Amino acid sequence: MQYRIKEEKIKNEIELLKSVLETKRELSIANQNFEIAEAELIDYYSYQIKASKAKLDYLIKQVKSKGIQIDMINNLQIDIEKTTAV
């Protein structure tokens, strides 16, 4: 029983890390698009950047509350899509 709880915890942490990485990617794309946006789209990308930053802040708080090291996210070199809980 305890093994399943630990496995579920690891799966949840992996999903949280995936969300952080995906949000960082979304923020990067929004910033790139903002740089080349035409006048009509500047507001759109501004809101998208602000929303992505808010989401990232929330996710990082969640990561910290679970005791996961933030440096681990920045240095993540593995393909998290293929990572499975053991």
N, C-alpha and C. Protein backbone atom coordinates (compact mmCIF):
# COMPACT_ATOMS: atom_id res chain seq x y z
N MET A 1 0.81 -1.20 0.00
CA MET A 1 0.00 0.00 0.00
C MET A 1 0.86 1.26 0.00
N GLN A 2 1.90 1.26 0.83
CA GLN A 2 2.76 2.43 0.92
C GLN A 2 3.52 2.64 -0.40
N TYR A 3 3.83 1.55 -1.08
CA TYR A 3 4.51 1.63 -2.37
C TYR A 3 3.65 2.40 -3.37
N ARG A 4 2.34 2.14 -3.37
CA ARG A 4 1.44 2.84 -4.30
C ARG A 4 1.35 4.31 -3.98
N ILE A 5 1.33 4.66 -2.71
CA ILE A 5 1.28 6.07 -2.32
C ILE A 5 2.53 6.78 -2.78
N LYS A 6 3.68 6.15 -2.60
CA LYS A 6 4.95 6.76 -3.03
C LYS A 6 4.99 6.88 -4.56
N GLU A 7 4.53 5.86 -5.26
CA GLU A 7 4.49 5.89 -6.71
C GLU A 7 3.57 7.01 -7.21
N GLU A 8 2.42 7.17 -6.57
CA GLU A 8 1.49 8.24 -6.94
C GLU A 8 2.10 9.61 -6.67
N LYS A 9 2.82 9.74 -5.57
CA LYS A 9 3.48 11.00 -5.24
C LYS A 9 4.52 11.34 -6.30
N ILE A 10 5.29 10.37 -6.71
CA ILE A 10 6.31 10.59 -7.74
C ILE A 10 5.65 10.98 -9.06
N LYS A 11 4.58 10.31 -9.42
CA LYS A 11 3.86 10.65 -10.66
C LYS A 11 3.34 12.08 -10.61
N ASN A 12 2.79 12.48 -9.46
CA ASN A 12 2.29 13.85 -9.31
C ASN A 12 3.42 14.87 -9.42
N GLU A 13 4.57 14.55 -8.84
CA GLU A 13 5.71 15.46 -8.93
C GLU A 13 6.22 15.58 -10.36
N ILE A 14 6.22 14.47 -11.08
CA ILE A 14 6.63 14.50 -12.49
C ILE A 14 5.66 15.35 -13.30
N GLU A 15 4.36 15.20 -13.06
CA GLU A 15 3.37 16.01 -13.76
C GLU A 15 3.54 17.49 -13.45
N LEU A 16 3.86 17.80 -12.20
CA LEU A 16 4.10 19.19 -11.81
C LEU A 16 5.31 19.74 -12.53
N LEU A 17 6.38 18.96 -12.60
CA LEU A 17 7.58 19.40 -13.32
C LEU A 17 7.30 19.58 -14.81
N LYS A 18 6.50 18.69 -15.37
CA LYS A 18 6.11 18.84 -16.78
C LYS A 18 5.37 20.16 -16.99
N SER A 19 4.48 20.48 -16.06
CA SER A 19 3.72 21.73 -16.15
C SER A 19 4.64 22.94 -16.08
N VAL A 20 5.62 22.89 -15.20
CA VAL A 20 6.58 24.00 -15.09
C VAL A 20 7.34 24.16 -16.40
N LEU A 21 7.84 23.05 -16.92
CA LEU A 21 8.61 23.13 -18.17
C LEU A 21 7.75 23.62 -19.33
N GLU A 22 6.52 23.15 -19.41
CA GLU A 22 5.62 23.58 -20.48
C GLU A 22 5.28 25.06 -20.34
N THR A 23 5.07 25.52 -19.14
CA THR A 23 4.76 26.94 -18.92
C THR A 23 5.96 27.81 -19.25
N LYS A 24 7.16 27.35 -18.90
CA LYS A 24 8.37 28.10 -19.27
C LYS A 24 8.49 28.20 -20.79
N ARG A 25 8.15 27.11 -21.48
CA ARG A 25 8.20 27.11 -22.94
C ARG A 25 7.17 28.08 -23.51
N GLU A 26 5.95 28.06 -22.96
CA GLU A 26 4.89 28.98 -23.40
C GLU A 26 5.30 30.44 -23.20
N LEU A 27 5.92 30.72 -22.06
CA LEU A 27 6.38 32.07 -21.76
C LEU A 27 7.46 32.51 -22.75
N SER A 28 8.36 31.62 -23.05
CA SER A 28 9.43 31.93 -24.00
C SER A 28 8.85 32.23 -25.39
N ILE A 29 7.91 31.42 -25.81
CA ILE A 29 7.27 31.63 -27.12
C ILE A 29 6.51 32.95 -27.14
N ALA A 30 5.79 33.24 -26.06
CA ALA A 30 5.03 34.50 -26.00
C ALA A 30 5.98 35.70 -26.06
N ASN A 31 7.12 35.60 -25.37
CA ASN A 31 8.11 36.68 -25.42
C ASN A 31 8.67 36.86 -26.83
N GLN A 32 8.96 35.76 -27.50
CA GLN A 32 9.47 35.83 -28.87
C GLN A 32 8.43 36.44 -29.80
N ASN A 33 7.19 36.02 -29.66
CA ASN A 33 6.12 36.56 -30.51
C ASN A 33 5.88 38.03 -30.24
N PHE A 34 6.01 38.44 -28.98
CA PHE A 34 5.82 39.84 -28.63
C PHE A 34 6.85 40.71 -29.35
N GLU A 35 8.07 40.20 -29.45
CA GLU A 35 9.15 40.97 -30.09
C GLU A 35 8.89 41.24 -31.57
N ILE A 36 8.15 40.38 -32.22
CA ILE A 36 7.91 40.55 -33.66
C ILE A 36 6.45 40.87 -33.98
N ALA A 37 5.66 41.11 -32.93
CA ALA A 37 4.22 41.32 -33.12
C ALA A 37 3.93 42.63 -33.83
N GLU A 38 2.90 42.58 -34.66
CA GLU A 38 2.38 43.80 -35.28
C GLU A 38 1.53 44.52 -34.24
N ALA A 39 1.24 45.76 -34.48
CA ALA A 39 0.55 46.62 -33.51
C ALA A 39 -0.73 45.99 -32.96
N GLU A 40 -1.48 45.30 -33.80
CA GLU A 40 -2.75 44.73 -33.37
C GLU A 40 -2.59 43.59 -32.37
N LEU A 41 -1.42 42.96 -32.34
CA LEU A 41 -1.23 41.79 -31.48
C LEU A 41 -0.40 42.07 -30.23
N ILE A 42 0.08 43.28 -30.08
CA ILE A 42 0.92 43.58 -28.92
C ILE A 42 0.17 43.36 -27.61
N ASP A 43 -1.06 43.83 -27.52
CA ASP A 43 -1.84 43.62 -26.30
C ASP A 43 -2.05 42.14 -26.03
N TYR A 44 -2.35 41.38 -27.06
CA TYR A 44 -2.59 39.95 -26.90
C TYR A 44 -1.37 39.27 -26.29
N TYR A 45 -0.19 39.52 -26.85
CA TYR A 45 1.02 38.88 -26.33
C TYR A 45 1.39 39.42 -24.95
N SER A 46 1.08 40.66 -24.67
CA SER A 46 1.32 41.21 -23.33
C SER A 46 0.51 40.44 -22.29
N TYR A 47 -0.77 40.21 -22.58
CA TYR A 47 -1.62 39.45 -21.67
C TYR A 47 -1.16 37.99 -21.55
N GLN A 48 -0.74 37.44 -22.66
CA GLN A 48 -0.26 36.05 -22.65
C GLN A 48 1.00 35.92 -21.79
N ILE A 49 1.90 36.89 -21.90
CA ILE A 49 3.11 36.89 -21.08
C ILE A 49 2.74 37.02 -19.60
N LYS A 50 1.85 37.94 -19.29
CA LYS A 50 1.45 38.14 -17.89
C LYS A 50 0.79 36.88 -17.33
N ALA A 51 -0.07 36.25 -18.11
CA ALA A 51 -0.74 35.03 -17.66
C ALA A 51 0.26 33.89 -17.45
N SER A 52 1.19 33.75 -18.36
CA SER A 52 2.21 32.69 -18.23
C SER A 52 3.08 32.92 -17.01
N LYS A 53 3.44 34.18 -16.75
CA LYS A 53 4.25 34.49 -15.56
C LYS A 53 3.49 34.16 -14.28
N ALA A 54 2.20 34.51 -14.25
CA ALA A 54 1.38 34.21 -13.06
C ALA A 54 1.28 32.70 -12.85
N LYS A 55 1.07 31.96 -13.93
CA LYS A 55 0.97 30.51 -13.84
C LYS A 55 2.30 29.91 -13.37
N LEU A 56 3.41 30.41 -13.91
CA LEU A 56 4.72 29.92 -13.53
C LEU A 56 5.00 30.20 -12.05
N ASP A 57 4.64 31.39 -11.59
CA ASP A 57 4.81 31.72 -10.17
C ASP A 57 4.04 30.75 -9.29
N TYR A 58 2.80 30.47 -9.67
CA TYR A 58 1.98 29.52 -8.92
C TYR A 58 2.62 28.13 -8.90
N LEU A 59 3.05 27.66 -10.06
CA LEU A 59 3.64 26.33 -10.14
C LEU A 59 4.92 26.24 -9.33
N ILE A 60 5.73 27.28 -9.35
CA ILE A 60 6.97 27.27 -8.58
C ILE A 60 6.67 27.22 -7.08
N LYS A 61 5.63 27.92 -6.65
CA LYS A 61 5.23 27.82 -5.24
C LYS A 61 4.83 26.39 -4.90
N GLN A 62 4.12 25.73 -5.81
CA GLN A 62 3.72 24.34 -5.59
C GLN A 62 4.95 23.44 -5.51
N VAL A 63 5.91 23.67 -6.39
CA VAL A 63 7.14 22.87 -6.39
C VAL A 63 7.87 23.05 -5.07
N LYS A 64 8.01 24.29 -4.63
CA LYS A 64 8.71 24.56 -3.36
C LYS A 64 7.98 23.93 -2.19
N SER A 65 6.66 23.96 -2.19
CA SER A 65 5.90 23.40 -1.08
C SER A 65 6.06 21.88 -0.99
N LYS A 66 6.39 21.26 -2.10
CA LYS A 66 6.61 19.81 -2.11
C LYS A 66 8.07 19.44 -1.86
N GLY A 67 8.92 20.46 -1.68
CA GLY A 67 10.32 20.22 -1.36
C GLY A 67 11.18 19.85 -2.56
N ILE A 68 10.71 20.11 -3.75
CA ILE A 68 11.48 19.82 -4.96
C ILE A 68 12.42 21.00 -5.20
N GLN A 69 13.67 20.69 -5.49
CA GLN A 69 14.66 21.74 -5.71
C GLN A 69 14.41 22.44 -7.04
N ILE A 70 14.34 23.77 -7.03
CA ILE A 70 14.11 24.56 -8.24
C ILE A 70 15.27 24.41 -9.21
N ASP A 71 16.50 24.30 -8.70
CA ASP A 71 17.66 24.14 -9.58
C ASP A 71 17.53 22.90 -10.43
N MET A 72 16.84 21.90 -9.89
CA MET A 72 16.63 20.66 -10.63
C MET A 72 15.85 20.93 -11.92
N ILE A 73 14.90 21.85 -11.87
CA ILE A 73 14.10 22.17 -13.04
C ILE A 73 14.96 22.86 -14.08
N ASN A 74 15.77 23.81 -13.65
CA ASN A 74 16.58 24.57 -14.59
C ASN A 74 17.65 23.72 -15.26
N ASN A 75 18.11 22.69 -14.57
CA ASN A 75 19.17 21.84 -15.10
C ASN A 75 18.65 20.52 -15.66
N LEU A 76 17.36 20.40 -15.78
CA LEU A 76 16.76 19.16 -16.22
C LEU A 76 17.21 18.83 -17.64
N GLN A 77 17.89 17.72 -17.80
CA GLN A 77 18.42 17.32 -19.09
C GLN A 77 17.76 16.06 -19.62
N ILE A 78 16.81 15.51 -18.88
CA ILE A 78 16.18 14.26 -19.32
C ILE A 78 14.90 14.57 -20.07
N ASP A 79 14.47 13.61 -20.84
CA ASP A 79 13.20 13.73 -21.55
C ASP A 79 12.09 13.31 -20.58
N ILE A 80 11.47 14.28 -19.96
CA ILE A 80 10.51 14.00 -18.91
C ILE A 80 9.27 13.27 -19.43
N GLU A 81 9.01 13.38 -20.71
CA GLU A 81 7.87 12.67 -21.28
C GLU A 81 8.03 11.16 -21.18
N LYS A 82 9.27 10.68 -21.16
CA LYS A 82 9.53 9.25 -21.13
C LYS A 82 9.84 8.75 -19.73
N THR A 83 9.86 9.64 -18.76
CA THR A 83 10.17 9.25 -17.38
C THR A 83 8.96 8.58 -16.76
N THR A 84 9.21 7.47 -16.10
CA THR A 84 8.14 6.77 -15.40
C THR A 84 8.54 6.59 -13.94
N ALA A 85 7.56 6.52 -13.10
CA ALA A 85 7.81 6.30 -11.69
C ALA A 85 8.21 4.85 -11.47
N VAL A 86 9.17 4.65 -10.61
CA VAL A 86 9.65 3.28 -10.29
C VAL A 86 9.24 2.94 -8.89
